[in-house]
Amino acid sequence: MILPGLLYFLIFRYLPMGGIIIAFQDFNPFSGHSGSEWVGLAQFERLFSDVDFWPLLKNTLLLSALNLFLFFPAPIALALAINEVRLRWFRKAVQTALYMPHFLSWVVVVGMTITLFATQDGTVNKLLASLGLNRIEVMTDPAYFRYVYVLQNIWKEAGWNAIIFLAALAAVNPALYEAGVMDGASRWQLIWHVTLPAIRSTIIVLFILRLGDVLDIGFEHIYLLQNSLNLQVSDVFDTYVYRTGVLQGEFSYTTAVGLFKSVVGLILIASSNYLFRKFGEEGVY
């Protein structure tokens, strides 16, 4: 039963890692790996000396921080709220409605946002104009980009990500709640002293794994939101790799960028896992 999944990871995850070698070469597709010139760390020196490196790092870290502190807690809060609903049919209906946006493409989600907030023809701006209020430049003003990005993430993925926390909540011993009620605990006290400690290990494991994606925040969503007016705040490593590697053919250079991101993610996972284990938690390994 595990063979299909094992083959997937072997073929699409592990075998392609051999291509990392081109990060240390001036890769020429016609010469191949064996015929391309070996340049050592030259591609990494180019990356760290590039004038775009620090703006890219800043934008990527800011978006990751917003995801970490705003998006990551959202599924937890949502799971706690759903868990408090006592009508079983209503809870199932709400849960289903909340995770359905996960199946929408980012093209659809961004298209809906443009339809609502386009400067001239957007539904919201038409309504504001009819009320005599100023239009809001949500899709073109750089000040709005990061908030639109995070709010779309929450709307689309919070319900789906809440499933794993709901599964963890289902394993909580009901006797713990009964004992808390007998001791006079309120609903909030039960959540704080029973529910959250019961799913703490799940939260920690997912938090550690999330740290591994600090520099890898995805391409499609940001690329669809990106335009020439918000490029200064929306350009991240993923869009830079597409623009430089795919469109300009800088394969060795952008492989070095990807390897840099992976090494940073590995360091963050290993260090955070070590710290959590030092504090008595289970960690990832």
C-alpha atoms as a PDB file:
ATOM      1  CA  MET A   1       0.000   0.000   0.000  1.00  0.00           C
ATOM      2  CA  ILE A   2       2.884   2.364   0.603  1.00  0.00           C
ATOM      3  CA  LEU A   3       4.506   1.561  -2.762  1.00  0.00           C
ATOM      4  CA  PRO A   4       2.787   4.369  -4.787  1.00  0.00           C
ATOM      5  CA  GLY A   5       3.728   6.993  -2.207  1.00  0.00           C
ATOM      6  CA  LEU A   6       7.247   5.599  -1.935  1.00  0.00           C
ATOM      7  CA  LEU A   7       7.689   5.701  -5.712  1.00  0.00           C
ATOM      8  CA  TYR A   8       6.382   9.270  -5.821  1.00  0.00           C
ATOM      9  CA  PHE A   9       8.987  10.501  -3.340  1.00  0.00           C
ATOM     10  CA  LEU A  10      11.783   8.507  -4.968  1.00  0.00           C
ATOM     11  CA  ILE A  11      11.026   9.722  -8.497  1.00  0.00           C
ATOM     12  CA  PHE A  12       9.956  13.306  -7.874  1.00  0.00           C
ATOM     13  CA  ARG A  13      11.762  14.199  -4.628  1.00  0.00           C
ATOM     14  CA  TYR A  14      14.979  12.208  -4.226  1.00  0.00           C
ATOM     15  CA  LEU A  15      16.206  11.440  -7.736  1.00  0.00           C
ATOM     16  CA  PRO A  16      16.008  15.117  -8.857  1.00  0.00           C
ATOM     17  CA  MET A  17      18.324  16.056  -5.965  1.00  0.00           C
ATOM     18  CA  GLY A  18      21.197  14.930  -8.174  1.00  0.00           C
ATOM     19  CA  GLY A  19      20.566  18.061 -10.215  1.00  0.00           C
ATOM     20  CA  ILE A  20      21.784  20.199  -7.301  1.00  0.00           C
ATOM     21  CA  ILE A  21      25.258  19.789  -8.766  1.00  0.00           C
ATOM     22  CA  ILE A  22      24.521  22.474 -11.358  1.00  0.00           C
ATOM     23  CA  ALA A  23      24.478  25.058  -8.547  1.00  0.00           C
ATOM     24  CA  PHE A  24      28.265  24.642  -8.539  1.00  0.00           C
ATOM     25  CA  GLN A  25      28.624  24.736 -12.332  1.00  0.00           C
ATOM     26  CA  ASP A  26      28.103  27.140 -15.190  1.00  0.00           C
ATOM     27  CA  PHE A  27      25.526  24.733 -16.555  1.00  0.00           C
ATOM     28  CA  ASN A  28      25.085  24.381 -20.301  1.00  0.00           C
ATOM     29  CA  PRO A  29      22.124  22.162 -21.342  1.00  0.00           C
ATOM     30  CA  PHE A  30      23.978  21.074 -24.489  1.00  0.00           C
ATOM     31  CA  SER A  31      27.079  19.998 -22.543  1.00  0.00           C
ATOM     32  CA  GLY A  32      25.171  18.322 -19.728  1.00  0.00           C
ATOM     33  CA  HIS A  33      26.331  17.820 -16.158  1.00  0.00           C
ATOM     34  CA  SER A  34      29.620  16.209 -17.097  1.00  0.00           C
ATOM     35  CA  GLY A  35      30.590  18.758 -19.740  1.00  0.00           C
ATOM     36  CA  SER A  36      29.633  21.982 -17.957  1.00  0.00           C
ATOM     37  CA  GLU A  37      32.347  24.119 -16.357  1.00  0.00           C
ATOM     38  CA  TRP A  38      32.820  23.736 -12.591  1.00  0.00           C
ATOM     39  CA  VAL A  39      32.707  27.159 -10.876  1.00  0.00           C
ATOM     40  CA  GLY A  40      32.506  26.179  -7.196  1.00  0.00           C
ATOM     41  CA  LEU A  41      30.755  28.773  -5.043  1.00  0.00           C
ATOM     42  CA  ALA A  42      30.656  31.465  -7.725  1.00  0.00           C
ATOM     43  CA  GLN A  43      26.857  31.249  -8.081  1.00  0.00           C
ATOM     44  CA  PHE A  44      26.407  31.760  -4.339  1.00  0.00           C
ATOM     45  CA  GLU A  45      28.810  34.710  -4.355  1.00  0.00           C
ATOM     46  CA  ARG A  46      26.741  36.218  -7.137  1.00  0.00           C
ATOM     47  CA  LEU A  47      23.552  35.691  -5.126  1.00  0.00           C
ATOM     48  CA  PHE A  48      24.821  37.305  -1.928  1.00  0.00           C
ATOM     49  CA  SER A  49      26.369  40.240  -3.790  1.00  0.00           C
ATOM     50  CA  ASP A  50      23.298  40.847  -5.967  1.00  0.00           C
ATOM     51  CA  VAL A  51      21.553  44.155  -5.224  1.00  0.00           C
ATOM     52  CA  ASP A  52      18.232  42.305  -5.269  1.00  0.00           C
ATOM     53  CA  PHE A  53      19.218  39.839  -2.521  1.00  0.00           C
ATOM     54  CA  TRP A  54      18.349  41.929   0.543  1.00  0.00           C
ATOM     55  CA  PRO A  55      15.007  43.255  -0.816  1.00  0.00           C
ATOM     56  CA  LEU A  56      14.072  39.681  -1.774  1.00  0.00           C
ATOM     57  CA  LEU A  57      15.063  38.391   1.670  1.00  0.00           C
ATOM     58  CA  LYS A  58      13.154  41.190   3.385  1.00  0.00           C
ATOM     59  CA  ASN A  59       9.957  40.628   1.383  1.00  0.00           C
ATOM     60  CA  THR A  60      10.123  36.857   1.827  1.00  0.00           C
ATOM     61  CA  LEU A  61      10.719  37.057   5.591  1.00  0.00           C
ATOM     62  CA  LEU A  62       7.943  39.627   6.100  1.00  0.00           C
ATOM     63  CA  LEU A  63       5.393  37.495   4.257  1.00  0.00           C
ATOM     64  CA  SER A  64       6.576  34.401   6.133  1.00  0.00           C
ATOM     65  CA  ALA A  65       6.286  36.221   9.449  1.00  0.00           C
ATOM     66  CA  LEU A  66       2.726  37.293   8.632  1.00  0.00           C
ATOM     67  CA  ASN A  67       1.902  33.709   7.689  1.00  0.00           C
ATOM     68  CA  LEU A  68       3.492  32.427  10.884  1.00  0.00           C
ATOM     69  CA  PHE A  69       1.800  34.822  13.300  1.00  0.00           C
ATOM     70  CA  LEU A  70      -1.540  35.415  11.558  1.00  0.00           C
ATOM     71  CA  PHE A  71      -2.245  32.431   9.298  1.00  0.00           C
ATOM     72  CA  PHE A  72      -0.800  29.636  11.445  1.00  0.00           C
ATOM     73  CA  PRO A  73      -3.023  30.340  14.515  1.00  0.00           C
ATOM     74  CA  ALA A  74      -6.164  30.688  12.367  1.00  0.00           C
ATOM     75  CA  PRO A  75      -6.790  26.909  11.852  1.00  0.00           C
ATOM     76  CA  ILE A  76      -6.192  26.320  15.564  1.00  0.00           C
ATOM     77  CA  ALA A  77      -8.752  28.948  16.558  1.00  0.00           C
ATOM     78  CA  LEU A  78     -11.160  27.627  13.935  1.00  0.00           C
ATOM     79  CA  ALA A  79     -10.806  24.043  15.166  1.00  0.00           C
ATOM     80  CA  LEU A  80     -11.404  25.153  18.755  1.00  0.00           C
ATOM     81  CA  ALA A  81     -14.539  27.043  17.704  1.00  0.00           C
ATOM     82  CA  ILE A  82     -15.915  24.120  15.691  1.00  0.00           C
ATOM     83  CA  ASN A  83     -15.150  21.743  18.546  1.00  0.00           C
ATOM     84  CA  GLU A  84     -17.366  23.805  20.863  1.00  0.00           C
ATOM     85  CA  VAL A  85     -20.423  23.375  18.619  1.00  0.00           C
ATOM     86  CA  ARG A  86     -22.697  20.777  20.188  1.00  0.00           C
ATOM     87  CA  LEU A  87     -25.140  20.212  17.294  1.00  0.00           C
ATOM     88  CA  ARG A  88     -23.419  17.481  15.327  1.00  0.00           C
ATOM     89  CA  TRP A  89     -25.171  18.172  11.993  1.00  0.00           C
ATOM     90  CA  PHE A  90     -24.449  21.901  12.232  1.00  0.00           C
ATOM     91  CA  ARG A  91     -20.793  21.277  13.078  1.00  0.00           C
ATOM     92  CA  LYS A  92     -20.403  18.997  10.061  1.00  0.00           C
ATOM     93  CA  ALA A  93     -22.083  21.516   7.784  1.00  0.00           C
ATOM     94  CA  VAL A  94     -19.897  24.384   9.007  1.00  0.00           C
ATOM     95  CA  GLN A  95     -16.731  22.309   8.730  1.00  0.00           C
ATOM     96  CA  THR A  96     -17.570  21.278   5.169  1.00  0.00           C
ATOM     97  CA  ALA A  97     -18.318  24.866   4.152  1.00  0.00           C
ATOM     98  CA  LEU A  98     -15.047  26.088   5.639  1.00  0.00           C
ATOM     99  CA  TYR A  99     -12.745  23.629   3.923  1.00  0.00           C
ATOM    100  CA  MET A 100     -14.380  23.877   0.484  1.00  0.00           C
ATOM    101  CA  PRO A 101     -12.327  26.984  -0.527  1.00  0.00           C
ATOM    102  CA  HIS A 102      -9.214  24.787  -0.388  1.00  0.00           C
ATOM    103  CA  PHE A 103     -10.318  23.145  -3.642  1.00  0.00           C
ATOM    104  CA  LEU A 104     -10.482  26.459  -5.492  1.00  0.00           C
ATOM    105  CA  SER A 105      -7.523  27.360  -7.677  1.00  0.00           C
ATOM    106  CA  TRP A 106      -5.500  30.437  -6.757  1.00  0.00           C
ATOM    107  CA  VAL A 107      -6.445  31.735 -10.197  1.00  0.00           C
ATOM    108  CA  VAL A 108     -10.095  31.690  -9.121  1.00  0.00           C
ATOM    109  CA  VAL A 109      -9.402  33.236  -5.710  1.00  0.00           C
ATOM    110  CA  VAL A 110      -7.290  36.077  -7.111  1.00  0.00           C
ATOM    111  CA  GLY A 111      -9.797  36.565  -9.935  1.00  0.00           C
ATOM    112  CA  MET A 112     -12.602  36.950  -7.383  1.00  0.00           C
ATOM    113  CA  THR A 113     -10.515  39.507  -5.488  1.00  0.00           C
ATOM    114  CA  ILE A 114      -9.858  41.494  -8.665  1.00  0.00           C
ATOM    115  CA  THR A 115     -13.572  41.419  -9.511  1.00  0.00           C
ATOM    116  CA  LEU A 116     -14.393  42.792  -6.079  1.00  0.00           C
ATOM    117  CA  PHE A 117     -11.608  45.364  -5.704  1.00  0.00           C
ATOM    118  CA  ALA A 118     -10.615  46.474  -9.218  1.00  0.00           C
ATOM    119  CA  THR A 119     -10.045  50.223  -9.204  1.00  0.00           C
ATOM    120  CA  GLN A 120     -12.613  51.159 -11.843  1.00  0.00           C
ATOM    121  CA  ASP A 121     -14.956  48.204 -12.305  1.00  0.00           C
ATOM    122  CA  GLY A 122     -14.637  46.439  -8.952  1.00  0.00           C
ATOM    123  CA  THR A 123     -17.882  45.774  -7.086  1.00  0.00           C
ATOM    124  CA  VAL A 124     -16.599  47.263  -3.820  1.00  0.00           C
ATOM    125  CA  ASN A 125     -15.212  50.403  -5.451  1.00  0.00           C
ATOM    126  CA  LYS A 126     -18.434  50.921  -7.404  1.00  0.00           C
ATOM    127  CA  LEU A 127     -20.345  50.731  -4.147  1.00  0.00           C
ATOM    128  CA  LEU A 128     -17.946  53.162  -2.440  1.00  0.00           C
ATOM    129  CA  ALA A 129     -18.221  55.576  -5.379  1.00  0.00           C
ATOM    130  CA  SER A 130     -22.031  55.423  -5.269  1.00  0.00           C
ATOM    131  CA  LEU A 131     -21.863  56.352  -1.577  1.00  0.00           C
ATOM    132  CA  GLY A 132     -19.578  59.293  -2.325  1.00  0.00           C
ATOM    133  CA  LEU A 133     -16.537  57.662  -0.709  1.00  0.00           C
ATOM    134  CA  ASN A 134     -12.994  57.354  -2.041  1.00  0.00           C
ATOM    135  CA  ARG A 135     -12.037  54.249  -3.962  1.00  0.00           C
ATOM    136  CA  ILE A 136      -9.488  51.881  -2.407  1.00  0.00           C
ATOM    137  CA  GLU A 137      -6.534  50.699  -4.503  1.00  0.00           C
ATOM    138  CA  VAL A 138      -6.328  47.206  -3.029  1.00  0.00           C
ATOM    139  CA  MET A 139      -4.750  45.538  -6.067  1.00  0.00           C
ATOM    140  CA  THR A 140      -2.293  48.291  -6.984  1.00  0.00           C
ATOM    141  CA  ASP A 141      -1.298  50.004  -3.728  1.00  0.00           C
ATOM    142  CA  PRO A 142       1.794  48.251  -2.258  1.00  0.00           C
ATOM    143  CA  ALA A 143       0.530  49.006   1.255  1.00  0.00           C
ATOM    144  CA  TYR A 144      -2.323  46.514   0.809  1.00  0.00           C
ATOM    145  CA  PHE A 145      -0.391  43.653  -0.798  1.00  0.00           C
ATOM    146  CA  ARG A 146       0.795  41.798   2.301  1.00  0.00           C
ATOM    147  CA  TYR A 147      -2.599  41.972   3.996  1.00  0.00           C
ATOM    148  CA  VAL A 148      -4.430  40.777   0.877  1.00  0.00           C
ATOM    149  CA  TYR A 149      -1.965  37.901   0.586  1.00  0.00           C
ATOM    150  CA  VAL A 150      -2.419  36.742   4.199  1.00  0.00           C
ATOM    151  CA  LEU A 151      -6.204  37.209   4.270  1.00  0.00           C
ATOM    152  CA  GLN A 152      -6.545  35.155   1.079  1.00  0.00           C
ATOM    153  CA  ASN A 153      -4.402  32.433   2.645  1.00  0.00           C
ATOM    154  CA  ILE A 154      -6.613  32.385   5.726  1.00  0.00           C
ATOM    155  CA  TRP A 155      -9.855  32.344   3.737  1.00  0.00           C
ATOM    156  CA  LYS A 156      -8.693  29.572   1.403  1.00  0.00           C
ATOM    157  CA  GLU A 157      -6.668  27.281   3.655  1.00  0.00           C
ATOM    158  CA  ALA A 158      -7.673  27.794   7.299  1.00  0.00           C
ATOM    159  CA  GLY A 159     -10.634  25.420   7.100  1.00  0.00           C
ATOM    160  CA  TRP A 160      -8.596  22.697   5.418  1.00  0.00           C
ATOM    161  CA  ASN A 161      -5.680  23.018   7.861  1.00  0.00           C
ATOM    162  CA  ALA A 162      -8.128  22.865  10.768  1.00  0.00           C
ATOM    163  CA  ILE A 163      -8.893  19.223   9.917  1.00  0.00           C
ATOM    164  CA  ILE A 164      -5.710  17.917  11.521  1.00  0.00           C
ATOM    165  CA  PHE A 165      -6.429  19.852  14.726  1.00  0.00           C
ATOM    166  CA  LEU A 166     -10.005  18.564  14.778  1.00  0.00           C
ATOM    167  CA  ALA A 167      -8.621  15.034  14.459  1.00  0.00           C
ATOM    168  CA  ALA A 168      -6.348  15.708  17.436  1.00  0.00           C
ATOM    169  CA  LEU A 169      -9.276  17.130  19.418  1.00  0.00           C
ATOM    170  CA  ALA A 170     -11.317  14.003  18.734  1.00  0.00           C
ATOM    171  CA  ALA A 171      -8.748  12.008  20.706  1.00  0.00           C
ATOM    172  CA  VAL A 172      -9.140  14.100  23.886  1.00  0.00           C
ATOM    173  CA  ASN A 173     -10.536  12.031  26.763  1.00  0.00           C
ATOM    174  CA  PRO A 174     -14.071  13.329  27.594  1.00  0.00           C
ATOM    175  CA  ALA A 175     -13.422  12.454  31.245  1.00  0.00           C
ATOM    176  CA  LEU A 176     -11.029  15.386  31.419  1.00  0.00           C
ATOM    177  CA  TYR A 177     -13.836  17.793  30.526  1.00  0.00           C
ATOM    178  CA  GLU A 178     -16.174  16.133  33.004  1.00  0.00           C
ATOM    179  CA  ALA A 179     -13.576  16.471  35.748  1.00  0.00           C
ATOM    180  CA  GLY A 180     -13.080  20.138  34.848  1.00  0.00           C
ATOM    181  CA  VAL A 181     -16.822  20.819  35.006  1.00  0.00           C
ATOM    182  CA  MET A 182     -17.011  19.104  38.395  1.00  0.00           C
ATOM    183  CA  ASP A 183     -14.256  21.434  39.607  1.00  0.00           C
ATOM    184  CA  GLY A 184     -16.242  24.454  38.406  1.00  0.00           C
ATOM    185  CA  ALA A 185     -14.187  25.291  35.300  1.00  0.00           C
ATOM    186  CA  SER A 186     -15.755  27.643  32.745  1.00  0.00           C
ATOM    187  CA  ARG A 187     -15.746  26.998  28.980  1.00  0.00           C
ATOM    188  CA  TRP A 188     -12.664  29.204  28.538  1.00  0.00           C
ATOM    189  CA  GLN A 189     -10.868  27.455  31.383  1.00  0.00           C
ATOM    190  CA  LEU A 190     -11.616  24.066  29.823  1.00  0.00           C
ATOM    191  CA  ILE A 191     -10.171  25.233  26.515  1.00  0.00           C
ATOM    192  CA  TRP A 192      -7.054  26.657  28.186  1.00  0.00           C
ATOM    193  CA  HIS A 193      -6.360  23.848  30.648  1.00  0.00           C
ATOM    194  CA  VAL A 194      -7.703  20.781  28.804  1.00  0.00           C
ATOM    195  CA  THR A 195      -8.115  21.331  25.059  1.00  0.00           C
ATOM    196  CA  LEU A 196      -4.950  23.273  24.222  1.00  0.00           C
ATOM    197  CA  PRO A 197      -2.601  21.053  26.283  1.00  0.00           C
ATOM    198  CA  ALA A 198      -4.137  18.003  24.571  1.00  0.00           C
ATOM    199  CA  ILE A 199      -3.207  19.256  21.089  1.00  0.00           C
ATOM    200  CA  ARG A 200       0.032  20.996  22.088  1.00  0.00           C
ATOM    201  CA  SER A 201       2.264  18.318  20.532  1.00  0.00           C
ATOM    202  CA  THR A 202       0.404  18.599  17.221  1.00  0.00           C
ATOM    203  CA  ILE A 203       0.763  22.384  17.251  1.00  0.00           C
ATOM    204  CA  ILE A 204       4.491  22.140  17.964  1.00  0.00           C
ATOM    205  CA  VAL A 205       5.168  19.610  15.195  1.00  0.00           C
ATOM    206  CA  LEU A 206       3.296  21.688  12.604  1.00  0.00           C
ATOM    207  CA  PHE A 207       5.003  24.869  13.831  1.00  0.00           C
ATOM    208  CA  ILE A 208       8.443  23.278  13.384  1.00  0.00           C
ATOM    209  CA  LEU A 209       7.544  22.117   9.886  1.00  0.00           C
ATOM    210  CA  ARG A 210       6.201  25.574   9.072  1.00  0.00           C
ATOM    211  CA  LEU A 211       9.575  27.091  10.015  1.00  0.00           C
ATOM    212  CA  GLY A 212      11.148  24.963   7.312  1.00  0.00           C
ATOM    213  CA  ASP A 213       9.133  26.895   4.707  1.00  0.00           C
ATOM    214  CA  VAL A 214      10.203  30.354   5.864  1.00  0.00           C
ATOM    215  CA  LEU A 215      11.923  31.118   2.549  1.00  0.00           C
ATOM    216  CA  ASP A 216       9.651  28.902   0.462  1.00  0.00           C
ATOM    217  CA  ILE A 217       6.254  30.610   0.582  1.00  0.00           C
ATOM    218  CA  GLY A 218       4.980  29.521  -2.817  1.00  0.00           C
ATOM    219  CA  PHE A 219       4.989  30.925  -6.327  1.00  0.00           C
ATOM    220  CA  GLU A 220       1.529  30.788  -7.868  1.00  0.00           C
ATOM    221  CA  HIS A 221      -0.368  32.877  -5.319  1.00  0.00           C
ATOM    222  CA  ILE A 222       2.181  35.698  -5.180  1.00  0.00           C
ATOM    223  CA  TYR A 223       2.765  35.697  -8.929  1.00  0.00           C
ATOM    224  CA  LEU A 224      -0.957  36.139  -9.604  1.00  0.00           C
ATOM    225  CA  LEU A 225      -1.162  39.067  -7.169  1.00  0.00           C
ATOM    226  CA  GLN A 226       2.035  40.649  -8.446  1.00  0.00           C
ATOM    227  CA  ASN A 227       2.072  43.606 -10.824  1.00  0.00           C
ATOM    228  CA  SER A 228       4.449  46.399 -11.729  1.00  0.00           C
ATOM    229  CA  LEU A 229       2.982  48.705  -9.072  1.00  0.00           C
ATOM    230  CA  ASN A 230       3.468  46.393  -6.084  1.00  0.00           C
ATOM    231  CA  LEU A 231       6.677  44.681  -7.253  1.00  0.00           C
ATOM    232  CA  GLN A 232       8.751  46.384  -4.565  1.00  0.00           C
ATOM    233  CA  VAL A 233       6.893  44.489  -1.818  1.00  0.00           C
ATOM    234  CA  SER A 234       5.762  41.372  -3.706  1.00  0.00           C
ATOM    235  CA  ASP A 235       9.011  40.199  -5.296  1.00  0.00           C
ATOM    236  CA  VAL A 236      10.220  37.138  -3.360  1.00  0.00           C
ATOM    237  CA  PHE A 237      12.735  34.367  -4.045  1.00  0.00           C
ATOM    238  CA  ASP A 238      10.141  32.201  -5.802  1.00  0.00           C
ATOM    239  CA  THR A 239       9.113  34.857  -8.315  1.00  0.00           C
ATOM    240  CA  TYR A 240      12.751  35.899  -8.736  1.00  0.00           C
ATOM    241  CA  VAL A 241      13.716  32.302  -9.565  1.00  0.00           C
ATOM    242  CA  TYR A 242      10.957  32.117 -12.179  1.00  0.00           C
ATOM    243  CA  ARG A 243      11.916  35.430 -13.738  1.00  0.00           C
ATOM    244  CA  THR A 244      15.661  34.749 -13.741  1.00  0.00           C
ATOM    245  CA  GLY A 245      15.816  30.996 -14.144  1.00  0.00           C
ATOM    246  CA  VAL A 246      12.910  30.137 -16.427  1.00  0.00           C
ATOM    247  CA  LEU A 247      12.575  33.296 -18.487  1.00  0.00           C
ATOM    248  CA  GLN A 248      16.285  34.155 -18.729  1.00  0.00           C
ATOM    249  CA  GLY A 249      17.724  30.620 -18.624  1.00  0.00           C
ATOM    250  CA  GLU A 250      19.990  31.163 -15.588  1.00  0.00           C
ATOM    251  CA  PHE A 251      19.652  27.553 -14.449  1.00  0.00           C
ATOM    252  CA  SER A 252      22.792  27.292 -12.330  1.00  0.00           C
ATOM    253  CA  TYR A 253      22.207  30.580 -10.586  1.00  0.00           C
ATOM    254  CA  THR A 254      18.585  29.892  -9.668  1.00  0.00           C
ATOM    255  CA  THR A 255      19.475  26.355  -8.540  1.00  0.00           C
ATOM    256  CA  ALA A 256      21.887  28.009  -6.122  1.00  0.00           C
ATOM    257  CA  VAL A 257      19.020  30.218  -4.909  1.00  0.00           C
ATOM    258  CA  GLY A 258      16.858  27.147  -4.337  1.00  0.00           C
ATOM    259  CA  LEU A 259      19.674  25.345  -2.504  1.00  0.00           C
ATOM    260  CA  PHE A 260      20.185  28.382  -0.276  1.00  0.00           C
ATOM    261  CA  LYS A 261      16.477  28.348   0.635  1.00  0.00           C
ATOM    262  CA  SER A 262      16.581  24.628   1.399  1.00  0.00           C
ATOM    263  CA  VAL A 263      19.654  24.923   3.631  1.00  0.00           C
ATOM    264  CA  VAL A 264      18.053  27.760   5.609  1.00  0.00           C
ATOM    265  CA  GLY A 265      14.881  25.697   6.034  1.00  0.00           C
ATOM    266  CA  LEU A 266      16.868  22.661   7.196  1.00  0.00           C
ATOM    267  CA  ILE A 267      18.765  24.744   9.759  1.00  0.00           C
ATOM    268  CA  LEU A 268      15.545  26.243  11.120  1.00  0.00           C
ATOM    269  CA  ILE A 269      13.844  22.848  11.423  1.00  0.00           C
ATOM    270  CA  ALA A 270      16.850  21.238  13.126  1.00  0.00           C
ATOM    271  CA  SER A 271      17.433  24.127  15.549  1.00  0.00           C
ATOM    272  CA  SER A 272      13.760  24.595  16.478  1.00  0.00           C
ATOM    273  CA  ASN A 273      13.330  20.842  16.950  1.00  0.00           C
ATOM    274  CA  TYR A 274      16.399  20.812  19.233  1.00  0.00           C
ATOM    275  CA  LEU A 275      15.058  23.736  21.302  1.00  0.00           C
ATOM    276  CA  PHE A 276      11.608  22.204  21.730  1.00  0.00           C
ATOM    277  CA  ARG A 277      13.130  18.893  22.797  1.00  0.00           C
ATOM    278  CA  LYS A 278      15.284  20.746  25.322  1.00  0.00           C
ATOM    279  CA  PHE A 279      12.079  22.128  26.831  1.00  0.00           C
ATOM    280  CA  GLY A 280      10.631  18.632  27.157  1.00  0.00           C
ATOM    281  CA  GLU A 281       8.476  18.489  24.025  1.00  0.00           C
ATOM    282  CA  GLU A 282       8.504  15.621  21.533  1.00  0.00           C
ATOM    283  CA  GLY A 283       9.482  17.534  18.397  1.00  0.00           C
ATOM    284  CA  VAL A 284       9.545  16.085  14.892  1.00  0.00           C
ATOM    285  CA  TYR A 285      12.299  13.542  15.525  1.00  0.00           C
END
